[in-house]
PDB file of N, CA and C in Angstrom:
ATOM      1  N   ALA A   1       1.887  14.704-119.399  1.00  0.00           N
ATOM      2  CA  ALA A   1       2.891  15.512-118.738  1.00  0.00           C
ATOM      3  C   ALA A   1       2.459  15.851-117.318  1.00  0.00           C
ATOM      4  N   ALA A   2       1.172  16.072-117.096  1.00  0.00           N
ATOM      5  CA  ALA A   2       0.692  16.405-115.749  1.00  0.00           C
ATOM      6  C   ALA A   2       0.907  15.231-114.800  1.00  0.00           C
ATOM      7  N   ILE A   3       0.623  14.030-115.255  1.00  0.00           N
ATOM      8  CA  ILE A   3       0.830  12.852-114.413  1.00  0.00           C
ATOM      9  C   ILE A   3       2.319  12.617-114.201  1.00  0.00           C
ATOM     10  N   ALA A   4       3.132  12.878-115.205  1.00  0.00           N
ATOM     11  CA  ALA A   4       4.583  12.749-115.047  1.00  0.00           C
ATOM     12  C   ALA A   4       5.088  13.724-113.987  1.00  0.00           C
ATOM     13  N   LEU A   5       4.547  14.940-113.943  1.00  0.00           N
ATOM     14  CA  LEU A   5       4.939  15.903-112.923  1.00  0.00           C
ATOM     15  C   LEU A   5       4.567  15.399-111.531  1.00  0.00           C
ATOM     16  N   LEU A   6       3.365  14.880-111.393  1.00  0.00           N
ATOM     17  CA  LEU A   6       2.944  14.353-110.090  1.00  0.00           C
ATOM     18  C   LEU A   6       3.832  13.186-109.660  1.00  0.00           C
ATOM     19  N   ASP A   7       4.183  12.320-110.597  1.00  0.00           N
ATOM     20  CA  ASP A   7       5.109  11.226-110.285  1.00  0.00           C
ATOM     21  C   ASP A   7       6.478  11.762-109.886  1.00  0.00           C
ATOM     22  N   ALA A   8       6.943  12.790-110.572  1.00  0.00           N
ATOM     23  CA  ALA A   8       8.268  13.349-110.292  1.00  0.00           C
ATOM     24  C   ALA A   8       8.344  13.979-108.899  1.00  0.00           C
ATOM     25  N   ILE A   9       7.248  14.552-108.403  1.00  0.00           N
ATOM     26  CA  ILE A   9       7.294  15.097-107.049  1.00  0.00           C
ATOM     27  C   ILE A   9       7.039  14.005-106.012  1.00  0.00           C
ATOM     28  N   TYR A  10       6.454  12.900-106.419  1.00  0.00           N
ATOM     29  CA  TYR A  10       6.225  11.776-105.519  1.00  0.00           C
ATOM     30  C   TYR A  10       7.527  11.032-105.223  1.00  0.00           C
ATOM     31  N   LEU A  11       8.352  10.833-106.234  1.00  0.00           N
ATOM     32  CA  LEU A  11       9.578  10.049-106.072  1.00  0.00           C
ATOM     33  C   LEU A  11      10.497  10.564-104.973  1.00  0.00           C
ATOM     34  N   PRO A  12      10.863  11.846-104.966  1.00  0.00           N
ATOM     35  CA  PRO A  12      11.782  12.300-103.915  1.00  0.00           C
ATOM     36  C   PRO A  12      11.203  12.174-102.499  1.00  0.00           C
ATOM     37  N   LEU A  13       9.891  12.136-102.388  1.00  0.00           N
ATOM     38  CA  LEU A  13       9.266  12.054-101.067  1.00  0.00           C
ATOM     39  C   LEU A  13       9.210  10.630-100.527  1.00  0.00           C
ATOM     40  N   HIS A  14       9.142   9.648-101.420  1.00  0.00           N
ATOM     41  CA  HIS A  14       8.859   8.288-100.990  1.00  0.00           C
ATOM     42  C   HIS A  14       9.917   7.251-101.341  1.00  0.00           C
ATOM     43  N   ILE A  15      10.845   7.571-102.198  1.00  0.00           N
ATOM     44  CA  ILE A  15      11.869   6.602-102.573  1.00  0.00           C
ATOM     45  C   ILE A  15      13.221   7.141-102.120  1.00  0.00           C
ATOM     46  N   HIS A  16      13.676   6.665-100.983  1.00  0.00           N
ATOM     47  CA  HIS A  16      14.957   7.061-100.394  1.00  0.00           C
ATOM     48  C   HIS A  16      15.132   8.582-100.371  1.00  0.00           C
ATOM     49  N   PRO A  17      14.288   9.286 -99.609  1.00  0.00           N
ATOM     50  CA  PRO A  17      14.404  10.751 -99.546  1.00  0.00           C
ATOM     51  C   PRO A  17      15.824  11.199 -99.201  1.00  0.00           C
ATOM     52  N   GLY A  18      16.311  12.148 -99.974  1.00  0.00           N
ATOM     53  CA  GLY A  18      17.624  12.721 -99.736  1.00  0.00           C
ATOM     54  C   GLY A  18      18.806  11.964-100.315  1.00  0.00           C
ATOM     55  N   HIS A  19      18.589  10.765-100.829  1.00  0.00           N
ATOM     56  CA  HIS A  19      19.693   9.961-101.349  1.00  0.00           C
ATOM     57  C   HIS A  19      19.933  10.140-102.841  1.00  0.00           C
ATOM     58  N   PHE A  20      18.964  10.654-103.552  1.00  0.00           N
ATOM     59  CA  PHE A  20      19.074  10.774-104.994  1.00  0.00           C
ATOM     60  C   PHE A  20      18.755  12.198-105.440  1.00  0.00           C
ATOM     61  N   THR A  21      19.272  12.564-106.603  1.00  0.00           N
ATOM     62  CA  THR A  21      18.922  13.822-107.234  1.00  0.00           C
ATOM     63  C   THR A  21      18.025  13.478-108.418  1.00  0.00           C
ATOM     64  N   TYR A  22      16.885  14.138-108.507  1.00  0.00           N
ATOM     65  CA  TYR A  22      15.926  13.862-109.563  1.00  0.00           C
ATOM     66  C   TYR A  22      15.898  14.992-110.575  1.00  0.00           C
ATOM     67  N   GLN A  23      15.705  14.621-111.828  1.00  0.00           N
ATOM     68  CA  GLN A  23      15.537  15.593-112.893  1.00  0.00           C
ATOM     69  C   GLN A  23      14.347  15.146-113.720  1.00  0.00           C
ATOM     70  N   ALA A  24      13.487  16.072-114.080  1.00  0.00           N
ATOM     71  CA  ALA A  24      12.288  15.735-114.849  1.00  0.00           C
ATOM     72  C   ALA A  24      12.185  16.631-116.074  1.00  0.00           C
ATOM     73  N   TYR A  25      11.718  16.041-117.174  1.00  0.00           N
ATOM     74  CA  TYR A  25      11.434  16.765-118.412  1.00  0.00           C
ATOM     75  C   TYR A  25       9.956  16.580-118.711  1.00  0.00           C
ATOM     76  N   ALA A  26       9.251  17.663-118.972  1.00  0.00           N
ATOM     77  CA  ALA A  26       7.828  17.600-119.270  1.00  0.00           C
ATOM     78  C   ALA A  26       7.568  18.358-120.564  1.00  0.00           C
ATOM     79  N   TYR A  27       6.998  17.685-121.529  1.00  0.00           N
ATOM     80  CA  TYR A  27       6.679  18.283-122.820  1.00  0.00           C
ATOM     81  C   TYR A  27       5.196  18.635-122.843  1.00  0.00           C
ATOM     82  N   GLY A  28       4.889  19.917-123.052  1.00  0.00           N
ATOM     83  CA  GLY A  28       3.500  20.350-123.149  1.00  0.00           C
ATOM     84  C   GLY A  28       2.742  20.231-121.834  1.00  0.00           C
ATOM     85  N   LEU A  29       3.376  20.564-120.730  1.00  0.00           N
ATOM     86  CA  LEU A  29       2.756  20.443-119.410  1.00  0.00           C
ATOM     87  C   LEU A  29       1.662  21.487-119.218  1.00  0.00           C
ATOM     88  N   PRO A  30       0.432  21.053-118.895  1.00  0.00           N
ATOM     89  CA  PRO A  30      -0.602  22.036-118.563  1.00  0.00           C
ATOM     90  C   PRO A  30      -0.350  22.584-117.158  1.00  0.00           C
ATOM     91  N   ARG A  31      -1.059  23.633-116.807  1.00  0.00           N
ATOM     92  CA  ARG A  31      -0.967  24.159-115.438  1.00  0.00           C
ATOM     93  C   ARG A  31      -1.628  23.147-114.513  1.00  0.00           C
ATOM     94  N   VAL A  32      -0.907  22.714-113.493  1.00  0.00           N
ATOM     95  CA  VAL A  32      -1.381  21.629-112.639  1.00  0.00           C
ATOM     96  C   VAL A  32      -1.908  22.120-111.292  1.00  0.00           C
ATOM     97  N   GLY A  33      -1.406  23.243-110.792  1.00  0.00           N
ATOM     98  CA  GLY A  33      -1.841  23.709-109.479  1.00  0.00           C
ATOM     99  C   GLY A  33      -1.701  25.207-109.321  1.00  0.00           C
ATOM    100  N   ASN A  34      -1.979  25.673-108.108  1.00  0.00           N
ATOM    101  CA  ASN A  34      -1.912  27.109-107.826  1.00  0.00           C
ATOM    102  C   ASN A  34      -0.469  27.526-107.531  1.00  0.00           C
ATOM    103  N   GLN A  35      -0.271  28.774-107.102  1.00  0.00           N
ATOM    104  CA  GLN A  35       1.077  29.295-106.856  1.00  0.00           C
ATOM    105  C   GLN A  35       1.790  28.516-105.767  1.00  0.00           C
ATOM    106  N   ALA A  36       1.074  28.130-104.723  1.00  0.00           N
ATOM    107  CA  ALA A  36       1.697  27.355-103.641  1.00  0.00           C
ATOM    108  C   ALA A  36       2.198  26.010-104.162  1.00  0.00           C
ATOM    109  N   PHE A  37       1.423  25.367-105.026  1.00  0.00           N
ATOM    110  CA  PHE A  37       1.850  24.098-105.617  1.00  0.00           C
ATOM    111  C   PHE A  37       3.065  24.309-106.511  1.00  0.00           C
ATOM    112  N   ALA A  38       3.057  25.350-107.321  1.00  0.00           N
ATOM    113  CA  ALA A  38       4.198  25.639-108.197  1.00  0.00           C
ATOM    114  C   ALA A  38       5.460  25.911-107.379  1.00  0.00           C
ATOM    115  N   ASP A  39       5.329  26.634-106.275  1.00  0.00           N
ATOM    116  CA  ASP A  39       6.474  26.885-105.396  1.00  0.00           C
ATOM    117  C   ASP A  39       6.991  25.583-104.791  1.00  0.00           C
ATOM    118  N   TYR A  40       6.073  24.701-104.424  1.00  0.00           N
ATOM    119  CA  TYR A  40       6.462  23.400-103.872  1.00  0.00           C
ATOM    120  C   TYR A  40       7.213  22.576-104.919  1.00  0.00           C
ATOM    121  N   VAL A  41       6.698  22.554-106.147  1.00  0.00           N
ATOM    122  CA  VAL A  41       7.374  21.825-107.230  1.00  0.00           C
ATOM    123  C   VAL A  41       8.778  22.391-107.429  1.00  0.00           C
ATOM    124  N   ASP A  42       8.919  23.707-107.426  1.00  0.00           N
ATOM    125  CA  ASP A  42      10.237  24.332-107.584  1.00  0.00           C
ATOM    126  C   ASP A  42      11.194  23.914-106.468  1.00  0.00           C
ATOM    127  N   SER A  43      10.673  23.736-105.259  1.00  0.00           N
ATOM    128  CA  SER A  43      11.543  23.359-104.143  1.00  0.00           C
ATOM    129  C   SER A  43      11.925  21.881-104.180  1.00  0.00           C
ATOM    130  N   VAL A  44      11.009  21.030-104.638  1.00  0.00           N
ATOM    131  CA  VAL A  44      11.267  19.589-104.682  1.00  0.00           C
ATOM    132  C   VAL A  44      12.011  19.194-105.961  1.00  0.00           C
ATOM    133  N   LEU A  45      11.707  19.859-107.057  1.00  0.00           N
ATOM    134  CA  LEU A  45      12.308  19.546-108.356  1.00  0.00           C
ATOM    135  C   LEU A  45      13.000  20.769-108.946  1.00  0.00           C
ATOM    136  N   PRO A  46      14.121  21.181-108.396  1.00  0.00           N
ATOM    137  CA  PRO A  46      14.785  22.361-108.948  1.00  0.00           C
ATOM    138  C   PRO A  46      15.323  22.131-110.357  1.00  0.00           C
ATOM    139  N   ARG A  47      15.384  20.873-110.800  1.00  0.00           N
ATOM    140  CA  ARG A  47      15.899  20.555-112.135  1.00  0.00           C
ATOM    141  C   ARG A  47      14.772  20.160-113.090  1.00  0.00           C
ATOM    142  N   LEU A  48      13.569  20.686-112.886  1.00  0.00           N
ATOM    143  CA  LEU A  48      12.452  20.445-113.795  1.00  0.00           C
ATOM    144  C   LEU A  48      12.656  21.260-115.064  1.00  0.00           C
ATOM    145  N   THR A  49      12.481  20.623-116.212  1.00  0.00           N
ATOM    146  CA  THR A  49      12.525  21.315-117.495  1.00  0.00           C
ATOM    147  C   THR A  49      11.179  21.116-118.174  1.00  0.00           C
ATOM    148  N   ARG A  50      10.475  22.231-118.405  1.00  0.00           N
ATOM    149  CA  ARG A  50       9.183  22.196-119.108  1.00  0.00           C
ATOM    150  C   ARG A  50       9.414  22.678-120.529  1.00  0.00           C
ATOM    151  N   ILE A  51       9.205  21.833-121.496  1.00  0.00           N
ATOM    152  CA  ILE A  51       9.420  22.201-122.887  1.00  0.00           C
ATOM    153  C   ILE A  51       8.069  22.514-123.514  1.00  0.00           C
ATOM    154  N   THR A  52       7.957  23.758-124.030  1.00  0.00           N
ATOM    155  CA  THR A  52       6.701  24.206-124.635  1.00  0.00           C
ATOM    156  C   THR A  52       6.959  24.712-126.047  1.00  0.00           C
ATOM    157  N   HIS A  53       5.920  24.712-126.854  1.00  0.00           N
ATOM    158  CA  HIS A  53       5.996  25.197-128.225  1.00  0.00           C
ATOM    159  C   HIS A  53       4.955  26.285-128.419  1.00  0.00           C
ATOM    160  N   ALA A  54       5.276  27.258-129.249  1.00  0.00           N
ATOM    161  CA  ALA A  54       4.394  28.416-129.463  1.00  0.00           C
ATOM    162  C   ALA A  54       3.000  28.013-129.937  1.00  0.00           C
ATOM    163  N   ASN A  55       2.875  26.940-130.712  1.00  0.00           N
ATOM    164  CA  ASN A  55       1.580  26.556-131.265  1.00  0.00           C
ATOM    165  C   ASN A  55       0.811  25.570-130.386  1.00  0.00           C
ATOM    166  N   ASP A  56       1.343  25.205-129.248  1.00  0.00           N
ATOM    167  CA  ASP A  56       0.701  24.222-128.374  1.00  0.00           C
ATOM    168  C   ASP A  56      -0.192  24.935-127.362  1.00  0.00           C
ATOM    169  N   PRO A  57      -1.510  24.683-127.401  1.00  0.00           N
ATOM    170  CA  PRO A  57      -2.410  25.355-126.467  1.00  0.00           C
ATOM    171  C   PRO A  57      -2.409  24.744-125.065  1.00  0.00           C
ATOM    172  N   VAL A  58      -1.933  23.525-124.905  1.00  0.00           N
ATOM    173  CA  VAL A  58      -2.027  22.832-123.617  1.00  0.00           C
ATOM    174  C   VAL A  58      -1.284  23.552-122.481  1.00  0.00           C
ATOM    175  N   PRO A  59      -0.062  24.081-122.688  1.00  0.00           N
ATOM    176  CA  PRO A  59       0.622  24.734-121.568  1.00  0.00           C
ATOM    177  C   PRO A  59      -0.075  25.980-121.014  1.00  0.00           C
ATOM    178  N   ILE A  60      -1.048  26.518-121.722  1.00  0.00           N
ATOM    179  CA  ILE A  60      -1.764  27.689-121.203  1.00  0.00           C
ATOM    180  C   ILE A  60      -3.155  27.311-120.676  1.00  0.00           C
ATOM    181  N   LEU A  61      -3.344  26.018-120.430  1.00  0.00           N
ATOM    182  CA  LEU A  61      -4.594  25.531-119.853  1.00  0.00           C
ATOM    183  C   LEU A  61      -4.338  24.990-118.459  1.00  0.00           C
ATOM    184  N   PRO A  62      -5.274  25.052-117.563  1.00  0.00           N
ATOM    185  CA  PRO A  62      -6.455  25.895-117.581  1.00  0.00           C
ATOM    186  C   PRO A  62      -6.062  27.377-117.552  1.00  0.00           C
ATOM    187  N   PRO A  63      -6.992  28.251-117.917  1.00  0.00           N
ATOM    188  CA  PRO A  63      -6.679  29.687-117.988  1.00  0.00           C
ATOM    189  C   PRO A  63      -6.202  30.232-116.642  1.00  0.00           C
ATOM    190  N   ARG A  64      -5.441  31.319-116.692  1.00  0.00           N
ATOM    191  CA  ARG A  64      -4.922  31.941-115.465  1.00  0.00           C
ATOM    192  C   ARG A  64      -6.032  32.433-114.547  1.00  0.00           C
ATOM    193  N   THR A  65      -7.218  32.659-115.077  1.00  0.00           N
ATOM    194  CA  THR A  65      -8.334  33.105-114.237  1.00  0.00           C
ATOM    195  C   THR A  65      -8.678  32.061-113.180  1.00  0.00           C
ATOM    196  N   THR A  66      -8.241  30.812-113.374  1.00  0.00           N
ATOM    197  CA  THR A  66      -8.474  29.757-112.385  1.00  0.00           C
ATOM    198  C   THR A  66      -7.416  29.766-111.293  1.00  0.00           C
ATOM    199  N   LEU A  67      -6.434  30.679-111.399  1.00  0.00           N
ATOM    200  CA  LEU A  67      -5.314  30.819-110.467  1.00  0.00           C
ATOM    201  C   LEU A  67      -4.313  29.672-110.557  1.00  0.00           C
ATOM    202  N   TYR A  68      -4.411  28.864-111.596  1.00  0.00           N
ATOM    203  CA  TYR A  68      -3.410  27.833-111.849  1.00  0.00           C
ATOM    204  C   TYR A  68      -2.196  28.493-112.503  1.00  0.00           C
ATOM    205  N   VAL A  69      -0.995  28.085-112.095  1.00  0.00           N
ATOM    206  CA  VAL A  69       0.240  28.632-112.654  1.00  0.00           C
ATOM    207  C   VAL A  69       1.217  27.497-112.931  1.00  0.00           C
ATOM    208  N   GLN A  70       2.251  27.814-113.706  1.00  0.00           N
ATOM    209  CA  GLN A  70       3.282  26.835-114.039  1.00  0.00           C
ATOM    210  C   GLN A  70       4.446  26.937-113.065  1.00  0.00           C
ATOM    211  N   PRO A  71       5.124  25.823-112.797  1.00  0.00           N
ATOM    212  CA  PRO A  71       6.391  25.914-112.060  1.00  0.00           C
ATOM    213  C   PRO A  71       7.486  26.489-112.958  1.00  0.00           C
ATOM    214  N   SER A  72       8.655  26.742-112.398  1.00  0.00           N
ATOM    215  CA  SER A  72       9.780  27.310-113.152  1.00  0.00           C
ATOM    216  C   SER A  72      10.370  26.290-114.116  1.00  0.00           C
ATOM    217  N   GLY A  73      11.310  26.762-114.938  1.00  0.00           N
ATOM    218  CA  GLY A  73      12.082  25.866-115.783  1.00  0.00           C
ATOM    219  C   GLY A  73      11.589  25.714-117.202  1.00  0.00           C
ATOM    220  N   GLU A  74      10.961  26.753-117.768  1.00  0.00           N
ATOM    221  CA  GLU A  74      10.423  26.635-119.120  1.00  0.00           C
ATOM    222  C   GLU A  74      11.505  26.812-120.180  1.00  0.00           C
ATOM    223  N   VAL A  75      11.474  25.930-121.159  1.00  0.00           N
ATOM    224  CA  VAL A  75      12.257  26.067-122.380  1.00  0.00           C
ATOM    225  C   VAL A  75      11.211  26.184-123.484  1.00  0.00           C
ATOM    226  N   HIS A  76      11.145  27.359-124.114  1.00  0.00           N
ATOM    227  CA  HIS A  76      10.075  27.656-125.071  1.00  0.00           C
ATOM    228  C   HIS A  76      10.616  27.625-126.501  1.00  0.00           C
ATOM    229  N   ILE A  77       9.976  26.835-127.351  1.00  0.00           N
ATOM    230  CA  ILE A  77      10.343  26.770-128.762  1.00  0.00           C
ATOM    231  C   ILE A  77       9.371  27.662-129.524  1.00  0.00           C
ATOM    232  N   GLN A  78       9.905  28.684-130.162  1.00  0.00           N
ATOM    233  CA  GLN A  78       9.064  29.638-130.882  1.00  0.00           C
ATOM    234  C   GLN A  78       8.675  29.082-132.248  1.00  0.00           C
ATOM    235  N   GLU A  79       7.763  29.766-132.918  1.00  0.00           N
ATOM    236  CA  GLU A  79       7.274  29.304-134.213  1.00  0.00           C
ATOM    237  C   GLU A  79       8.383  29.174-135.242  1.00  0.00           C
ATOM    238  N   ASP A  80       9.409  30.026-135.156  1.00  0.00           N
ATOM    239  CA  ASP A  80      10.502  29.967-136.126  1.00  0.00           C
ATOM    240  C   ASP A  80      11.614  29.022-135.669  1.00  0.00           C
ATOM    241  N   SER A  81      11.302  28.158-134.686  1.00  0.00           N
ATOM    242  CA  SER A  81      12.202  27.130-134.153  1.00  0.00           C
ATOM    243  C   SER A  81      13.331  27.686-133.297  1.00  0.00           C
ATOM    244  N   ARG A  82      13.308  28.981-132.971  1.00  0.00           N
ATOM    245  CA  ARG A  82      14.288  29.500-132.021  1.00  0.00           C
ATOM    246  C   ARG A  82      13.909  29.014-130.629  1.00  0.00           C
ATOM    247  N   VAL A  83      14.890  28.755-129.819  1.00  0.00           N
ATOM    248  CA  VAL A  83      14.660  28.276-128.465  1.00  0.00           C
ATOM    249  C   VAL A  83      14.916  29.409-127.484  1.00  0.00           C
ATOM    250  N   THR A  84      13.958  29.651-126.609  1.00  0.00           N
ATOM    251  CA  THR A  84      14.090  30.659-125.572  1.00  0.00           C
ATOM    252  C   THR A  84      14.029  29.957-124.229  1.00  0.00           C
ATOM    253  N   VAL A  85      15.019  30.165-123.410  1.00  0.00           N
ATOM    254  CA  VAL A  85      15.041  29.565-122.082  1.00  0.00           C
ATOM    255  C   VAL A  85      14.542  30.602-121.094  1.00  0.00           C
ATOM    256  N   LYS A  86      13.534  30.237-120.333  1.00  0.00           N
ATOM    257  CA  LYS A  86      12.962  31.152-119.354  1.00  0.00           C
ATOM    258  C   LYS A  86      13.260  30.639-117.948  1.00  0.00           C
ATOM    259  N   THR A  87      13.462  31.515-117.040  1.00  0.00           N
ATOM    260  CA  THR A  87      13.641  31.270-115.624  1.00  0.00           C
ATOM    261  C   THR A  87      15.077  30.919-115.256  1.00  0.00           C
ATOM    262  N   TYR A  88      15.780  30.151-116.033  1.00  0.00           N
ATOM    263  CA  TYR A  88      17.180  29.884-115.748  1.00  0.00           C
ATOM    264  C   TYR A  88      17.914  29.695-117.057  1.00  0.00           C
ATOM    265  N   CYS A  89      19.227  29.800-117.057  1.00  0.00           N
ATOM    266  CA  CYS A  89      20.014  29.752-118.285  1.00  0.00           C
ATOM    267  C   CYS A  89      20.552  28.357-118.544  1.00  0.00           C
ATOM    268  N   VAL A  90      20.351  27.896-119.745  1.00  0.00           N
ATOM    269  CA  VAL A  90      20.864  26.609-120.181  1.00  0.00           C
ATOM    270  C   VAL A  90      21.258  26.767-121.635  1.00  0.00           C
ATOM    271  N   VAL A  91      22.282  26.082-122.067  1.00  0.00           N
ATOM    272  CA  VAL A  91      22.663  26.104-123.471  1.00  0.00           C
ATOM    273  C   VAL A  91      22.030  24.880-124.124  1.00  0.00           C
ATOM    274  N   LEU A  92      21.202  25.110-125.117  1.00  0.00           N
ATOM    275  CA  LEU A  92      20.546  24.021-125.842  1.00  0.00           C
ATOM    276  C   LEU A  92      20.890  24.117-127.321  1.00  0.00           C
ATOM    277  N   LYS A  93      21.027  22.983-127.945  1.00  0.00           N
ATOM    278  CA  LYS A  93      21.218  22.936-129.383  1.00  0.00           C
ATOM    279  C   LYS A  93      19.926  22.458-130.020  1.00  0.00           C
ATOM    280  N   HIS A  94      19.632  22.974-131.184  1.00  0.00           N
ATOM    281  CA  HIS A  94      18.453  22.563-131.915  1.00  0.00           C
ATOM    282  C   HIS A  94      18.636  21.101-132.337  1.00  0.00           C
ATOM    283  N   LEU A  95      17.757  20.220-131.908  1.00  0.00           N
ATOM    284  CA  LEU A  95      17.944  18.785-132.117  1.00  0.00           C
ATOM    285  C   LEU A  95      17.241  18.232-133.361  1.00  0.00           C
ATOM    286  N   TRP A  96      16.446  19.034-134.033  1.00  0.00           N
ATOM    287  CA  TRP A  96      15.752  18.512-135.208  1.00  0.00           C
ATOM    288  C   TRP A  96      15.863  19.455-136.358  1.00  0.00           C
TER     289      TRP A  96
END
């Protein structure tokens, strides 16, 4: 997921900038950069969807003490399979 995020921010910069709208989905994305990087990702990929699960430890790595943070767009699946959308509103149906 981390490499997919890096690819997703690379595409709008190098493949016909401004001509396409990009959307990215990342499952279990770890924290990839600091607050400035997360702000940059939010500006380049406003349609990023990060899907996380309550039992998955990867999205909380590396620890916040390293100053790494997540970009916006989290869709969190709780242990009881309820879906919580964080940062922006989207209607999702349970797919499994």
